[in-house]
């Protein structure tokens, strides 16, 4: 699982329609969740293929340990 700042993910979703579709599928499958920390919005992604695509687009994210 990796955590991404929402403000960095959103532009990528707008620029890449195929990524947006993969994002919607992951959401339907329950592999995404929103979080807020210290007034900032994040998305936690559990889908390995989506994590790989975000990394390929230059968005590394932060590792998240399961609670």
PDB file of N, CA and C in Angstrom:
ATOM      1  N   UNK A   1       0.844  -1.186   0.000  1.00  0.00           N
ATOM      2  CA  UNK A   1       0.000   0.000   0.000  1.00  0.00           C
ATOM      3  C   UNK A   1       0.882   1.239   0.000  1.00  0.00           C
ATOM      4  N   UNK A   2       0.399   2.242  -0.722  1.00  0.00           N
ATOM      5  CA  UNK A   2       1.125   3.512  -0.754  1.00  0.00           C
ATOM      6  C   UNK A   2       0.143   4.657  -0.625  1.00  0.00           C
ATOM      7  N   UNK A   3       0.614   5.738   0.008  1.00  0.00           N
ATOM      8  CA  UNK A   3      -0.186   6.946   0.215  1.00  0.00           C
ATOM      9  C   UNK A   3       0.329   8.043  -0.718  1.00  0.00           C
ATOM     10  N   UNK A   4      -0.629   8.704  -1.373  1.00  0.00           N
ATOM     11  CA  UNK A   4      -0.298   9.763  -2.330  1.00  0.00           C
ATOM     12  C   UNK A   4      -1.063  11.028  -1.969  1.00  0.00           C
ATOM     13  N   UNK A   5      -0.414  12.190  -2.078  1.00  0.00           N
ATOM     14  CA  UNK A   5      -1.140  13.449  -1.881  1.00  0.00           C
ATOM     15  C   UNK A   5      -2.196  13.608  -2.985  1.00  0.00           C
ATOM     16  N   UNK A   6      -3.410  13.886  -2.589  1.00  0.00           N
ATOM     17  CA  UNK A   6      -4.505  14.003  -3.562  1.00  0.00           C
ATOM     18  C   UNK A   6      -4.217  15.070  -4.611  1.00  0.00           C
ATOM     19  N   UNK A   7      -3.585  16.163  -4.208  1.00  0.00           N
ATOM     20  CA  UNK A   7      -3.335  17.255  -5.158  1.00  0.00           C
ATOM     21  C   UNK A   7      -2.311  16.875  -6.233  1.00  0.00           C
ATOM     22  N   UNK A   8      -1.562  15.798  -6.024  1.00  0.00           N
ATOM     23  CA  UNK A   8      -0.615  15.340  -7.049  1.00  0.00           C
ATOM     24  C   UNK A   8      -1.233  14.261  -7.932  1.00  0.00           C
ATOM     25  N   UNK A   9      -2.178  13.515  -7.386  1.00  0.00           N
ATOM     26  CA  UNK A   9      -2.830  12.453  -8.155  1.00  0.00           C
ATOM     27  C   UNK A   9      -3.837  13.045  -9.139  1.00  0.00           C
ATOM     28  N   UNK A  10      -4.607  14.016  -8.699  1.00  0.00           N
ATOM     29  CA  UNK A  10      -5.697  14.562  -9.510  1.00  0.00           C
ATOM     30  C   UNK A  10      -5.256  15.014 -10.900  1.00  0.00           C
ATOM     31  N   UNK A  11      -4.168  15.779 -11.044  1.00  0.00           N
ATOM     32  CA  UNK A  11      -3.756  16.191 -12.399  1.00  0.00           C
ATOM     33  C   UNK A  11      -3.406  15.008 -13.302  1.00  0.00           C
ATOM     34  N   UNK A  12      -2.828  13.956 -12.723  1.00  0.00           N
ATOM     35  CA  UNK A  12      -2.492  12.778 -13.525  1.00  0.00           C
ATOM     36  C   UNK A  12      -3.750  12.084 -14.032  1.00  0.00           C
ATOM     37  N   UNK A  13      -4.774  12.035 -13.193  1.00  0.00           N
ATOM     38  CA  UNK A  13      -6.035  11.417 -13.606  1.00  0.00           C
ATOM     39  C   UNK A  13      -6.680  12.199 -14.741  1.00  0.00           C
ATOM     40  N   UNK A  14      -6.571  13.512 -14.695  1.00  0.00           N
ATOM     41  CA  UNK A  14      -7.145  14.360 -15.739  1.00  0.00           C
ATOM     42  C   UNK A  14      -6.360  14.205 -17.048  1.00  0.00           C
ATOM     43  N   UNK A  15      -5.045  14.102 -16.955  1.00  0.00           N
ATOM     44  CA  UNK A  15      -4.189  14.010 -18.139  1.00  0.00           C
ATOM     45  C   UNK A  15      -4.228  12.637 -18.812  1.00  0.00           C
ATOM     46  N   UNK A  16      -4.550  11.594 -18.051  1.00  0.00           N
ATOM     47  CA  UNK A  16      -4.469  10.222 -18.570  1.00  0.00           C
ATOM     48  C   UNK A  16      -5.814   9.512 -18.378  1.00  0.00           C
ATOM     49  N   UNK A  17      -6.683   9.566 -19.380  1.00  0.00           N
ATOM     50  CA  UNK A  17      -8.004   8.926 -19.265  1.00  0.00           C
ATOM     51  C   UNK A  17      -7.934   7.429 -18.938  1.00  0.00           C
ATOM     52  N   UNK A  18      -6.926   6.734 -19.449  1.00  0.00           N
ATOM     53  CA  UNK A  18      -6.790   5.309 -19.142  1.00  0.00           C
ATOM     54  C   UNK A  18      -6.466   5.089 -17.667  1.00  0.00           C
ATOM     55  N   UNK A  19      -5.692   5.995 -17.097  1.00  0.00           N
ATOM     56  CA  UNK A  19      -5.396   5.929 -15.665  1.00  0.00           C
ATOM     57  C   UNK A  19      -6.669   6.191 -14.861  1.00  0.00           C
ATOM     58  N   UNK A  20      -7.481   7.125 -15.325  1.00  0.00           N
ATOM     59  CA  UNK A  20      -8.746   7.426 -14.654  1.00  0.00           C
ATOM     60  C   UNK A  20      -9.640   6.182 -14.632  1.00  0.00           C
ATOM     61  N   UNK A  21      -9.688   5.453 -15.729  1.00  0.00           N
ATOM     62  CA  UNK A  21     -10.507   4.229 -15.773  1.00  0.00           C
ATOM     63  C   UNK A  21      -9.977   3.181 -14.797  1.00  0.00           C
ATOM     64  N   UNK A  22      -8.663   3.009 -14.757  1.00  0.00           N
ATOM     65  CA  UNK A  22      -8.060   2.058 -13.819  1.00  0.00           C
ATOM     66  C   UNK A  22      -8.340   2.491 -12.378  1.00  0.00           C
ATOM     67  N   UNK A  23      -8.331   3.800 -12.144  1.00  0.00           N
ATOM     68  CA  UNK A  23      -8.607   4.364 -10.819  1.00  0.00           C
ATOM     69  C   UNK A  23     -10.048   4.044 -10.405  1.00  0.00           C
ATOM     70  N   UNK A  24     -10.975   4.216 -11.341  1.00  0.00           N
ATOM     71  CA  UNK A  24     -12.391   3.924 -11.058  1.00  0.00           C
ATOM     72  C   UNK A  24     -12.588   2.445 -10.747  1.00  0.00           C
ATOM     73  N   UNK A  25     -11.917   1.580 -11.503  1.00  0.00           N
ATOM     74  CA  UNK A  25     -12.018   0.138 -11.256  1.00  0.00           C
ATOM     75  C   UNK A  25     -11.475  -0.219  -9.879  1.00  0.00           C
ATOM     76  N   UNK A  26     -10.344   0.365  -9.507  1.00  0.00           N
ATOM     77  CA  UNK A  26      -9.761   0.113  -8.185  1.00  0.00           C
ATOM     78  C   UNK A  26     -10.703   0.610  -7.084  1.00  0.00           C
ATOM     79  N   UNK A  27     -11.342   1.743  -7.322  1.00  0.00           N
ATOM     80  CA  UNK A  27     -12.293   2.274  -6.338  1.00  0.00           C
ATOM     81  C   UNK A  27     -13.478   1.323  -6.169  1.00  0.00           C
ATOM     82  N   UNK A  28     -14.006   0.827  -7.278  1.00  0.00           N
ATOM     83  CA  UNK A  28     -15.129  -0.117  -7.217  1.00  0.00           C
ATOM     84  C   UNK A  28     -14.738  -1.398  -6.486  1.00  0.00           C
ATOM     85  N   UNK A  29     -13.491  -1.806  -6.627  1.00  0.00           N
ATOM     86  CA  UNK A  29     -13.000  -3.028  -5.987  1.00  0.00           C
ATOM     87  C   UNK A  29     -12.603  -2.794  -4.526  1.00  0.00           C
ATOM     88  N   UNK A  30     -12.697  -1.544  -4.059  1.00  0.00           N
ATOM     89  CA  UNK A  30     -12.352  -1.240  -2.672  1.00  0.00           C
ATOM     90  C   UNK A  30     -10.864  -1.158  -2.414  1.00  0.00           C
ATOM     91  N   UNK A  31     -10.088  -0.865  -3.455  1.00  0.00           N
ATOM     92  CA  UNK A  31      -8.626  -0.814  -3.322  1.00  0.00           C
ATOM     93  C   UNK A  31      -8.083   0.599  -3.153  1.00  0.00           C
ATOM     94  N   UNK A  32      -8.969   1.567  -2.935  1.00  0.00           N
ATOM     95  CA  UNK A  32      -8.581   2.962  -2.683  1.00  0.00           C
ATOM     96  C   UNK A  32      -9.315   3.443  -1.439  1.00  0.00           C
ATOM     97  N   UNK A  33      -8.675   4.344  -0.701  1.00  0.00           N
ATOM     98  CA  UNK A  33      -9.386   5.015   0.387  1.00  0.00           C
ATOM     99  C   UNK A  33      -8.795   6.401   0.593  1.00  0.00           C
ATOM    100  N   UNK A  34      -9.649   7.306   1.015  1.00  0.00           N
ATOM    101  CA  UNK A  34      -9.221   8.687   1.265  1.00  0.00           C
ATOM    102  C   UNK A  34      -8.851   8.834   2.736  1.00  0.00           C
ATOM    103  N   UNK A  35      -7.858   9.686   2.980  1.00  0.00           N
ATOM    104  CA  UNK A  35      -7.424  10.003   4.346  1.00  0.00           C
ATOM    105  C   UNK A  35      -7.140  11.491   4.432  1.00  0.00           C
ATOM    106  N   UNK A  36      -7.278  12.031   5.632  1.00  0.00           N
ATOM    107  CA  UNK A  36      -6.839  13.400   5.912  1.00  0.00           C
ATOM    108  C   UNK A  36      -5.884  13.347   7.081  1.00  0.00           C
ATOM    109  N   UNK A  37      -4.772  14.038   6.940  1.00  0.00           N
ATOM    110  CA  UNK A  37      -3.787  14.131   8.018  1.00  0.00           C
ATOM    111  C   UNK A  37      -3.262  15.551   8.060  1.00  0.00           C
ATOM    112  N   UNK A  38      -3.335  16.153   9.229  1.00  0.00           N
ATOM    113  CA  UNK A  38      -2.814  17.505   9.425  1.00  0.00           C
ATOM    114  C   UNK A  38      -3.351  18.468   8.372  1.00  0.00           C
ATOM    115  N   UNK A  39      -4.633  18.338   8.036  1.00  0.00           N
ATOM    116  CA  UNK A  39      -5.263  19.240   7.088  1.00  0.00           C
ATOM    117  C   UNK A  39      -4.957  18.961   5.625  1.00  0.00           C
ATOM    118  N   UNK A  40      -4.259  17.869   5.347  1.00  0.00           N
ATOM    119  CA  UNK A  40      -3.941  17.510   3.955  1.00  0.00           C
ATOM    120  C   UNK A  40      -4.720  16.257   3.566  1.00  0.00           C
ATOM    121  N   UNK A  41      -5.108  16.192   2.298  1.00  0.00           N
ATOM    122  CA  UNK A  41      -5.868  15.052   1.792  1.00  0.00           C
ATOM    123  C   UNK A  41      -4.947  14.087   1.050  1.00  0.00           C
ATOM    124  N   UNK A  42      -5.140  12.805   1.320  1.00  0.00           N
ATOM    125  CA  UNK A  42      -4.340  11.752   0.718  1.00  0.00           C
ATOM    126  C   UNK A  42      -5.247  10.651   0.186  1.00  0.00           C
ATOM    127  N   UNK A  43      -4.694   9.862  -0.718  1.00  0.00           N
ATOM    128  CA  UNK A  43      -5.365   8.657  -1.188  1.00  0.00           C
ATOM    129  C   UNK A  43      -4.416   7.497  -0.914  1.00  0.00           C
ATOM    130  N   UNK A  44      -4.954   6.439  -0.290  1.00  0.00           N
ATOM    131  CA  UNK A  44      -4.183   5.227  -0.043  1.00  0.00           C
ATOM    132  C   UNK A  44      -4.594   4.218  -1.110  1.00  0.00           C
ATOM    133  N   UNK A  45      -3.594   3.712  -1.834  1.00  0.00           N
ATOM    134  CA  UNK A  45      -3.827   2.794  -2.952  1.00  0.00           C
ATOM    135  C   UNK A  45      -3.301   1.414  -2.569  1.00  0.00           C
ATOM    136  N   UNK A  46      -4.155   0.403  -2.735  1.00  0.00           N
ATOM    137  CA  UNK A  46      -3.761  -0.980  -2.443  1.00  0.00           C
ATOM    138  C   UNK A  46      -3.516  -1.788  -3.710  1.00  0.00           C
ATOM    139  N   UNK A  47      -3.902  -1.284  -4.857  1.00  0.00           N
ATOM    140  CA  UNK A  47      -3.791  -2.001  -6.129  1.00  0.00           C
ATOM    141  C   UNK A  47      -2.352  -1.924  -6.658  1.00  0.00           C
ATOM    142  N   UNK A  48      -1.617  -3.058  -6.714  1.00  0.00           N
ATOM    143  CA  UNK A  48      -0.217  -3.034  -7.154  1.00  0.00           C
ATOM    144  C   UNK A  48      -0.031  -2.491  -8.574  1.00  0.00           C
ATOM    145  N   UNK A  49      -0.950  -2.809  -9.481  1.00  0.00           N
ATOM    146  CA  UNK A  49      -0.786  -2.319 -10.849  1.00  0.00           C
ATOM    147  C   UNK A  49      -0.984  -0.806 -10.918  1.00  0.00           C
ATOM    148  N   UNK A  50      -1.889  -0.282 -10.124  1.00  0.00           N
ATOM    149  CA  UNK A  50      -2.105   1.166 -10.080  1.00  0.00           C
ATOM    150  C   UNK A  50      -0.904   1.865  -9.444  1.00  0.00           C
ATOM    151  N   UNK A  51      -0.346   1.262  -8.418  1.00  0.00           N
ATOM    152  CA  UNK A  51       0.865   1.810  -7.785  1.00  0.00           C
ATOM    153  C   UNK A  51       1.999   1.862  -8.810  1.00  0.00           C
ATOM    154  N   UNK A  52       2.152   0.798  -9.599  1.00  0.00           N
ATOM    155  CA  UNK A  52       3.208   0.756 -10.622  1.00  0.00           C
ATOM    156  C   UNK A  52       2.991   1.835 -11.677  1.00  0.00           C
ATOM    157  N   UNK A  53       1.739   2.062 -12.073  1.00  0.00           N
ATOM    158  CA  UNK A  53       1.458   3.083 -13.085  1.00  0.00           C
ATOM    159  C   UNK A  53       1.753   4.477 -12.542  1.00  0.00           C
ATOM    160  N   UNK A  54       1.390   4.732 -11.295  1.00  0.00           N
ATOM    161  CA  UNK A  54       1.682   6.040 -10.703  1.00  0.00           C
ATOM    162  C   UNK A  54       3.193   6.254 -10.607  1.00  0.00           C
ATOM    163  N   UNK A  55       3.914   5.210 -10.239  1.00  0.00           N
ATOM    164  CA  UNK A  55       5.376   5.306 -10.159  1.00  0.00           C
ATOM    165  C   UNK A  55       5.972   5.603 -11.534  1.00  0.00           C
ATOM    166  N   UNK A  56       5.453   4.937 -12.563  1.00  0.00           N
ATOM    167  CA  UNK A  56       5.942   5.166 -13.928  1.00  0.00           C
ATOM    168  C   UNK A  56       5.692   6.607 -14.379  1.00  0.00           C
ATOM    169  N   UNK A  57       4.680   7.231 -13.817  1.00  0.00           N
ATOM    170  CA  UNK A  57       4.379   8.632 -14.139  1.00  0.00           C
ATOM    171  C   UNK A  57       5.114   9.605 -13.231  1.00  0.00           C
ATOM    172  N   UNK A  58       5.999   9.083 -12.375  1.00  0.00           N
ATOM    173  CA  UNK A  58       6.845   9.933 -11.539  1.00  0.00           C
ATOM    174  C   UNK A  58       6.305  10.214 -10.157  1.00  0.00           C
ATOM    175  N   UNK A  59       5.269   9.519  -9.739  1.00  0.00           N
ATOM    176  CA  UNK A  59       4.685   9.744  -8.415  1.00  0.00           C
ATOM    177  C   UNK A  59       5.005   8.542  -7.543  1.00  0.00           C
ATOM    178  N   UNK A  60       5.930   8.719  -6.625  1.00  0.00           N
ATOM    179  CA  UNK A  60       6.448   7.621  -5.808  1.00  0.00           C
ATOM    180  C   UNK A  60       5.494   7.234  -4.681  1.00  0.00           C
ATOM    181  N   UNK A  61       4.937   8.173  -4.000  1.00  0.00           N
ATOM    182  CA  UNK A  61       4.076   7.866  -2.856  1.00  0.00           C
ATOM    183  C   UNK A  61       4.889   7.448  -1.641  1.00  0.00           C
ATOM    184  N   UNK A  62       4.176   7.203  -0.563  1.00  0.00           N
ATOM    185  CA  UNK A  62       4.792   6.868   0.712  1.00  0.00           C
ATOM    186  C   UNK A  62       4.248   5.510   1.165  1.00  0.00           C
ATOM    187  N   UNK A  63       5.128   4.630   1.597  1.00  0.00           N
ATOM    188  CA  UNK A  63       4.692   3.303   2.045  1.00  0.00           C
ATOM    189  C   UNK A  63       3.789   3.434   3.258  1.00  0.00           C
ATOM    190  N   UNK A  64       2.748   2.599   3.293  1.00  0.00           N
ATOM    191  CA  UNK A  64       1.802   2.586   4.403  1.00  0.00           C
ATOM    192  C   UNK A  64       1.741   1.174   4.939  1.00  0.00           C
ATOM    193  N   UNK A  65       1.853   1.046   6.260  1.00  0.00           N
ATOM    194  CA  UNK A  65       1.724  -0.267   6.874  1.00  0.00           C
ATOM    195  C   UNK A  65       0.269  -0.491   7.227  1.00  0.00           C
ATOM    196  N   UNK A  66      -0.183  -1.729   7.079  1.00  0.00           N
ATOM    197  CA  UNK A  66      -1.558  -2.056   7.428  1.00  0.00           C
ATOM    198  C   UNK A  66      -1.757  -1.949   8.928  1.00  0.00           C
ATOM    199  N   UNK A  67      -2.912  -1.443   9.315  1.00  0.00           N
ATOM    200  CA  UNK A  67      -3.202  -1.253  10.742  1.00  0.00           C
ATOM    201  C   UNK A  67      -3.612  -2.549  11.396  1.00  0.00           C
TER     202      UNK A  67
END
